[in-house]
Amino acid sequence: MNKTQVTYRFQDGLGIKNHRSAIFPPYDWNSRNQSKIITAVADLKRLVEERNLSLKDVAKFMHEPVANDQAPRGLTWKT
């Protein structure tokens, strides 16, 4: 199986110093997951930029279970 990797490149205000952060969403890189991957990338980008959070923090929050006996939240963070 091929894993999906998302890399976000942060820039300072002048674009001089760049650093990157990468995560592996829980979707294999295949055509069946195309819409899930596109949605996940768009949501990750929006939340990183709007909430000023790290990519790893956003990804962890988006995919952590609500409780031990419940399914993962997925991409439904609206607050």
N, C-alpha and C. Protein backbone atom coordinates (compact mmCIF):
# COMPACT_ATOMS: atom_id res chain seq x y z
N MET A 1 0.83 -1.19 0.00
CA MET A 1 0.00 0.00 0.00
C MET A 1 0.88 1.26 0.00
N ASN A 2 0.40 2.27 -0.66
CA ASN A 2 1.11 3.54 -0.70
C ASN A 2 0.46 4.51 0.28
N LYS A 3 1.27 5.05 1.17
CA LYS A 3 0.76 6.00 2.14
C LYS A 3 0.67 7.39 1.53
N THR A 4 -0.29 8.16 2.01
CA THR A 4 -0.44 9.54 1.59
C THR A 4 0.34 10.43 2.56
N GLN A 5 1.14 11.31 2.04
CA GLN A 5 1.89 12.26 2.87
C GLN A 5 1.47 13.67 2.49
N VAL A 6 1.20 14.49 3.51
CA VAL A 6 0.88 15.90 3.29
C VAL A 6 2.00 16.71 3.92
N THR A 7 2.61 17.59 3.14
CA THR A 7 3.68 18.46 3.63
C THR A 7 3.24 19.90 3.49
N TYR A 8 3.39 20.65 4.57
CA TYR A 8 3.04 22.08 4.58
C TYR A 8 4.32 22.87 4.76
N ARG A 9 4.56 23.83 3.89
CA ARG A 9 5.75 24.66 3.99
C ARG A 9 5.37 26.01 4.58
N PHE A 10 5.91 26.31 5.75
CA PHE A 10 5.66 27.57 6.44
C PHE A 10 6.69 28.59 5.97
N GLN A 11 6.26 29.83 5.82
CA GLN A 11 7.18 30.91 5.47
C GLN A 11 7.05 32.01 6.50
N ASP A 12 8.19 32.66 6.77
CA ASP A 12 8.10 33.82 7.64
C ASP A 12 7.53 34.98 6.83
N GLY A 13 7.37 36.11 7.42
CA GLY A 13 6.76 37.25 6.74
C GLY A 13 7.48 37.69 5.48
N LEU A 14 8.77 37.49 5.43
CA LEU A 14 9.55 37.91 4.27
C LEU A 14 9.79 36.78 3.28
N GLY A 15 9.38 35.56 3.63
CA GLY A 15 9.60 34.43 2.75
C GLY A 15 11.04 33.97 2.70
N ILE A 16 11.84 34.39 3.68
CA ILE A 16 13.26 34.07 3.66
C ILE A 16 13.53 32.72 4.31
N LYS A 17 12.96 32.49 5.48
CA LYS A 17 13.25 31.27 6.21
C LYS A 17 12.03 30.35 6.12
N ASN A 18 12.20 29.21 5.49
CA ASN A 18 11.12 28.26 5.32
C ASN A 18 11.37 27.02 6.19
N HIS A 19 10.32 26.45 6.71
CA HIS A 19 10.42 25.14 7.32
C HIS A 19 9.18 24.35 6.94
N ARG A 20 9.29 23.03 7.06
CA ARG A 20 8.23 22.16 6.60
C ARG A 20 7.75 21.27 7.73
N SER A 21 6.52 20.88 7.62
CA SER A 21 5.92 19.93 8.54
C SER A 21 5.16 18.92 7.69
N ALA A 22 5.23 17.66 8.06
CA ALA A 22 4.56 16.62 7.28
C ALA A 22 3.77 15.68 8.19
N ILE A 23 2.68 15.19 7.65
CA ILE A 23 1.86 14.19 8.35
C ILE A 23 1.45 13.12 7.34
N PHE A 24 0.95 12.02 7.86
CA PHE A 24 0.42 10.94 7.04
C PHE A 24 -1.04 10.75 7.39
N PRO A 25 -1.97 11.30 6.59
CA PRO A 25 -3.39 11.09 6.85
C PRO A 25 -3.73 9.59 6.76
N PRO A 26 -4.84 9.18 7.33
CA PRO A 26 -5.17 7.75 7.38
C PRO A 26 -5.76 7.22 6.07
N TYR A 27 -5.40 7.80 4.95
CA TYR A 27 -5.94 7.36 3.66
C TYR A 27 -4.80 6.87 2.78
N ASP A 28 -4.95 5.66 2.24
CA ASP A 28 -3.97 5.15 1.30
C ASP A 28 -4.04 5.96 0.01
N TRP A 29 -2.89 6.06 -0.66
CA TRP A 29 -2.81 6.82 -1.90
C TRP A 29 -3.34 5.95 -3.04
N ASN A 30 -4.65 6.05 -3.28
CA ASN A 30 -5.25 5.33 -4.40
C ASN A 30 -6.49 6.10 -4.86
N SER A 31 -7.00 5.72 -6.02
CA SER A 31 -8.10 6.47 -6.63
C SER A 31 -9.39 6.42 -5.80
N ARG A 32 -9.60 5.37 -5.03
CA ARG A 32 -10.82 5.29 -4.20
C ARG A 32 -10.85 6.36 -3.12
N ASN A 33 -9.70 6.83 -2.71
CA ASN A 33 -9.61 7.83 -1.64
C ASN A 33 -9.40 9.25 -2.16
N GLN A 34 -9.53 9.44 -3.45
CA GLN A 34 -9.23 10.75 -4.04
C GLN A 34 -10.00 11.88 -3.38
N SER A 35 -11.30 11.77 -3.25
CA SER A 35 -12.09 12.87 -2.67
C SER A 35 -11.78 13.06 -1.19
N LYS A 36 -11.51 11.97 -0.47
CA LYS A 36 -11.15 12.09 0.95
C LYS A 36 -9.83 12.84 1.12
N ILE A 37 -8.87 12.53 0.25
CA ILE A 37 -7.56 13.18 0.33
C ILE A 37 -7.68 14.66 -0.01
N ILE A 38 -8.41 14.97 -1.05
CA ILE A 38 -8.59 16.38 -1.45
C ILE A 38 -9.26 17.17 -0.33
N THR A 39 -10.30 16.60 0.25
CA THR A 39 -11.01 17.27 1.35
C THR A 39 -10.10 17.43 2.56
N ALA A 40 -9.35 16.39 2.89
CA ALA A 40 -8.45 16.44 4.05
C ALA A 40 -7.39 17.53 3.87
N VAL A 41 -6.80 17.61 2.69
CA VAL A 41 -5.75 18.61 2.43
C VAL A 41 -6.34 20.02 2.53
N ALA A 42 -7.51 20.23 1.95
CA ALA A 42 -8.14 21.55 2.02
C ALA A 42 -8.46 21.93 3.46
N ASP A 43 -8.99 20.98 4.23
CA ASP A 43 -9.32 21.26 5.63
C ASP A 43 -8.06 21.52 6.46
N LEU A 44 -7.03 20.73 6.23
CA LEU A 44 -5.77 20.94 6.96
C LEU A 44 -5.21 22.33 6.67
N LYS A 45 -5.16 22.70 5.42
CA LYS A 45 -4.62 24.02 5.05
C LYS A 45 -5.43 25.15 5.68
N ARG A 46 -6.73 25.04 5.59
CA ARG A 46 -7.60 26.09 6.14
C ARG A 46 -7.39 26.23 7.65
N LEU A 47 -7.35 25.11 8.36
CA LEU A 47 -7.22 25.18 9.81
C LEU A 47 -5.83 25.64 10.25
N VAL A 48 -4.80 25.22 9.54
CA VAL A 48 -3.45 25.69 9.87
C VAL A 48 -3.37 27.20 9.72
N GLU A 49 -3.94 27.72 8.64
CA GLU A 49 -3.86 29.15 8.39
C GLU A 49 -4.81 29.96 9.26
N GLU A 50 -6.05 29.51 9.44
CA GLU A 50 -7.03 30.27 10.22
C GLU A 50 -6.76 30.20 11.72
N ARG A 51 -6.36 29.06 12.21
CA ARG A 51 -6.18 28.86 13.66
C ARG A 51 -4.74 29.02 14.11
N ASN A 52 -3.83 29.18 13.14
CA ASN A 52 -2.41 29.33 13.45
C ASN A 52 -1.89 28.15 14.29
N LEU A 53 -2.29 26.94 13.89
CA LEU A 53 -1.87 25.72 14.56
C LEU A 53 -0.85 25.00 13.70
N SER A 54 -0.10 24.11 14.32
CA SER A 54 0.82 23.30 13.53
C SER A 54 0.04 22.25 12.77
N LEU A 55 0.62 21.77 11.71
CA LEU A 55 -0.02 20.74 10.89
C LEU A 55 -0.28 19.49 11.73
N LYS A 56 0.67 19.13 12.56
CA LYS A 56 0.50 17.93 13.39
C LYS A 56 -0.60 18.10 14.42
N ASP A 57 -0.73 19.29 15.01
CA ASP A 57 -1.80 19.53 15.97
C ASP A 57 -3.17 19.44 15.32
N VAL A 58 -3.31 20.02 14.15
CA VAL A 58 -4.58 19.98 13.43
C VAL A 58 -4.92 18.54 13.05
N ALA A 59 -3.95 17.81 12.52
CA ALA A 59 -4.20 16.43 12.09
C ALA A 59 -4.56 15.55 13.28
N LYS A 60 -3.88 15.74 14.40
CA LYS A 60 -4.18 14.94 15.59
C LYS A 60 -5.59 15.22 16.08
N PHE A 61 -5.98 16.47 16.11
CA PHE A 61 -7.31 16.84 16.56
C PHE A 61 -8.39 16.30 15.62
N MET A 62 -8.14 16.37 14.32
CA MET A 62 -9.14 15.95 13.35
C MET A 62 -9.40 14.46 13.38
N HIS A 63 -8.42 13.66 13.75
CA HIS A 63 -8.55 12.22 13.64
C HIS A 63 -8.58 11.49 14.98
N GLU A 64 -8.57 12.20 16.08
CA GLU A 64 -8.61 11.51 17.36
C GLU A 64 -10.04 11.08 17.68
N PRO A 65 -10.20 9.94 18.36
CA PRO A 65 -11.54 9.50 18.74
C PRO A 65 -12.16 10.46 19.75
N VAL A 66 -13.47 10.60 19.70
CA VAL A 66 -14.18 11.44 20.65
C VAL A 66 -14.14 10.79 22.03
N ALA A 67 -14.33 9.49 22.07
CA ALA A 67 -14.26 8.71 23.30
C ALA A 67 -13.76 7.32 22.91
N ASN A 68 -13.43 6.51 23.90
CA ASN A 68 -12.87 5.19 23.60
C ASN A 68 -13.80 4.31 22.78
N ASP A 69 -15.10 4.48 22.92
CA ASP A 69 -16.04 3.60 22.23
C ASP A 69 -16.67 4.24 21.00
N GLN A 70 -16.13 5.36 20.53
CA GLN A 70 -16.71 6.03 19.37
C GLN A 70 -15.73 6.06 18.21
N ALA A 71 -16.27 6.25 17.05
CA ALA A 71 -15.45 6.34 15.84
C ALA A 71 -14.69 7.66 15.84
N PRO A 72 -13.63 7.75 15.03
CA PRO A 72 -12.90 9.01 14.92
C PRO A 72 -13.80 10.13 14.43
N ARG A 73 -13.43 11.36 14.78
CA ARG A 73 -14.21 12.53 14.38
C ARG A 73 -14.18 12.76 12.89
N GLY A 74 -13.10 12.41 12.25
CA GLY A 74 -12.98 12.71 10.83
C GLY A 74 -12.74 14.19 10.62
N LEU A 75 -13.35 14.76 9.62
CA LEU A 75 -13.07 16.14 9.25
C LEU A 75 -14.26 17.03 9.53
N THR A 76 -14.78 16.99 10.75
CA THR A 76 -16.00 17.73 11.04
C THR A 76 -15.81 18.83 12.07
N TRP A 77 -14.60 19.29 12.27
CA TRP A 77 -14.35 20.32 13.29
C TRP A 77 -14.92 21.63 12.82
N LYS A 78 -15.92 22.15 13.54
CA LYS A 78 -16.58 23.39 13.12
C LYS A 78 -16.41 24.54 14.09
N THR A 79 -15.77 24.33 15.22
CA THR A 79 -15.62 25.41 16.19
C THR A 79 -14.44 26.28 15.89
